[in-house]
Structures are given as structure tokens and as C-alpha cells.
Amino acid sequence: QVQLVESGGGLVQPGGSLRLSCAASGIIFNFYDMGWYRQAPGKEREMVALITRGGLTNYADSVKGRFTISRDNGKNTVYLQMNSLKPDDTAVYSCNAHQNKFYDYWGQGTQVTVSS
């Protein structure tokens, strides 16, 4: 079955960095666009960063210049490097694999808390 497993979350001080990973199995990874989304308490889920199967990237305005999404098709893994973290970045971060409306999968999420 399809599995997306996120890792790398945790507690970090403002200004710090974290690197999230999402390991995919059960799919042909390089056929999928991959994305990171986040949901803070009481807020809607929002797109953070996307990377297409061809390597094109897109970012939410709130993270441009601070976050970088990348993928390693040989390892079936997508990464999110997060620098200059702010308290507003606190959320559950989830990985998404998307090919079309029939082939769209989500991971369970990993908590990121930015606090002093």
C-alpha cells in the first residue's frame, strides 16, 4: 500500500532550522508532484511548498527565501529545509503526493514547534 512517512519535526528556537523528510513507498515516485502543507491549531491547512515531477518549485509567500523544497527520486524522498524559523511557522507539516484526483496521498504529519 501507499505510505508517506514524515520525519524531522521537533521543537526549535526562533531563528533556528529544521529539515523535514518524507519517504514514499508504494508509488512510482517520479510520476508524482510532491508538496508540503501545514496546519496550525484553529487554522485551515495551507500549501507551504510544491515540487513538480520535473523539478519546478513553488512556495507560499510567507516562506519564500526561508524554506527550500527538494526531491531525491533515487531515494523516493522529498525534503523541506526550513531556515530562519518563526513562531508563526508552528504547525503540523504534512507531505502530499499528487498525480491526479484519483492518485493523491497524504502522510500523517510531523509537528514543528518554534518557541523560545
Protein backbone atom coordinates (compact mmCIF):
# COMPACT_ATOMS: atom_id res chain seq x y z
CA GLN A 1 0.00 0.00 0.00
CA VAL A 2 0.98 3.64 -0.34
CA GLN A 3 2.86 5.15 2.58
CA LEU A 4 4.22 8.64 3.09
CA VAL A 5 6.25 8.89 6.28
CA GLU A 6 7.38 12.29 7.52
CA SER A 7 10.25 12.85 9.92
CA GLY A 8 12.42 15.66 11.21
CA GLY A 9 9.94 17.73 13.15
CA GLY A 10 10.51 18.97 16.67
CA LEU A 11 10.98 21.96 18.92
CA VAL A 12 13.30 24.74 17.73
CA GLN A 13 14.01 28.27 18.86
CA PRO A 14 13.09 31.26 16.69
CA GLY A 15 15.75 31.78 14.05
CA GLY A 16 16.65 28.10 14.05
CA SER A 17 16.48 25.50 11.31
CA LEU A 18 14.89 22.12 10.72
CA ARG A 19 14.94 19.70 7.81
CA LEU A 20 11.82 17.64 7.20
CA SER A 21 11.88 14.43 5.18
CA CYS A 22 9.04 12.47 3.59
CA ALA A 23 9.80 8.94 2.46
CA ALA A 24 7.35 7.47 -0.03
CA SER A 25 6.63 3.83 -0.77
CA GLY A 26 4.04 2.04 -2.86
CA ILE A 27 4.09 4.64 -5.64
CA ILE A 28 6.24 5.35 -8.68
CA PHE A 29 7.72 8.40 -7.00
CA ASN A 30 8.93 10.26 -10.07
CA PHE A 31 5.42 10.18 -11.54
CA TYR A 32 4.15 12.40 -8.72
CA ASP A 33 4.22 16.08 -7.85
CA MET A 34 5.16 16.41 -4.20
CA GLY A 35 4.17 19.01 -1.68
CA TRP A 36 4.44 20.13 1.91
CA TYR A 37 1.40 21.54 3.65
CA ARG A 38 0.86 22.74 7.20
CA GLN A 39 -2.00 23.25 9.58
CA ALA A 40 -1.79 25.34 12.71
CA PRO A 41 -4.36 25.00 15.53
CA GLY A 42 -7.61 26.71 14.57
CA LYS A 43 -6.46 27.43 11.04
CA GLU A 44 -7.05 25.95 7.60
CA ARG A 45 -4.42 23.73 6.03
CA GLU A 46 -2.20 25.74 3.71
CA MET A 47 0.31 24.92 1.00
CA VAL A 48 3.90 25.56 2.04
CA ALA A 49 5.94 24.34 -0.92
CA LEU A 50 5.48 22.26 -4.06
CA ILE A 51 7.90 20.49 -6.38
CA THR A 52 6.72 19.01 -9.65
CA ARG A 53 7.86 15.73 -11.12
CA GLY A 54 10.03 17.88 -13.40
CA GLY A 55 11.62 19.76 -10.51
CA LEU A 56 9.77 23.08 -10.73
CA THR A 57 9.09 24.64 -7.34
CA ASN A 58 6.50 26.96 -5.84
CA TYR A 59 6.33 28.48 -2.37
CA ALA A 60 3.86 30.24 -0.15
CA ASP A 61 4.74 33.92 0.13
CA SER A 62 5.20 33.53 3.88
CA VAL A 63 8.12 31.10 3.45
CA LYS A 64 9.84 32.38 0.31
CA GLY A 65 13.53 32.89 0.90
CA ARG A 66 13.48 30.83 4.10
CA PHE A 67 12.29 27.36 3.04
CA THR A 68 13.60 25.12 0.26
CA ILE A 69 11.87 22.04 -1.13
CA SER A 70 13.85 19.36 -2.91
CA ARG A 71 13.42 15.76 -4.00
CA ASP A 72 15.63 12.72 -4.45
CA ASN A 73 13.94 10.38 -6.90
CA GLY A 74 16.52 7.69 -6.22
CA LYS A 75 15.51 7.64 -2.56
CA ASN A 76 11.79 8.28 -3.10
CA THR A 77 12.09 11.17 -0.68
CA VAL A 78 11.11 14.83 -0.61
CA TYR A 79 12.71 17.30 1.76
CA LEU A 80 11.83 20.66 3.25
CA GLN A 81 14.74 22.70 4.55
CA MET A 82 13.37 25.35 6.90
CA ASN A 83 15.61 28.22 7.97
CA SER A 84 15.01 31.40 9.99
CA LEU A 85 12.02 29.78 11.64
CA LYS A 86 9.40 31.96 13.27
CA PRO A 87 6.74 31.19 15.90
CA ASP A 88 4.14 31.57 13.12
CA ASP A 89 5.69 28.52 11.43
CA THR A 90 4.42 26.34 14.28
CA ALA A 91 2.11 23.72 12.77
CA VAL A 92 1.71 20.09 11.80
CA TYR A 93 3.54 19.63 8.50
CA SER A 94 2.22 17.01 6.12
CA CYS A 95 3.57 15.57 2.91
CA ASN A 96 1.41 15.12 -0.20
CA ALA A 97 1.93 13.08 -3.35
CA HIS A 98 -0.30 14.10 -6.25
CA GLN A 99 -0.75 12.74 -9.73
CA ASN A 100 -4.46 13.39 -10.30
CA LYS A 101 -7.66 13.30 -8.25
CA PHE A 102 -7.54 9.51 -8.16
CA TYR A 103 -3.92 9.27 -7.13
CA ASP A 104 -3.49 11.72 -4.26
CA TYR A 105 -1.93 10.65 -0.98
CA TRP A 106 -1.11 12.20 2.40
CA GLY A 107 1.25 11.40 5.22
CA GLN A 108 0.32 11.52 8.90
CA GLY A 109 2.23 14.70 9.58
CA THR A 110 5.03 15.84 11.85
CA GLN A 111 4.81 18.56 14.49
CA VAL A 112 7.03 21.63 14.19
CA THR A 113 7.06 23.97 17.17
CA VAL A 114 9.01 27.23 17.10
CA SER A 115 9.31 28.68 20.57
CA SER A 116 11.84 30.11 22.96
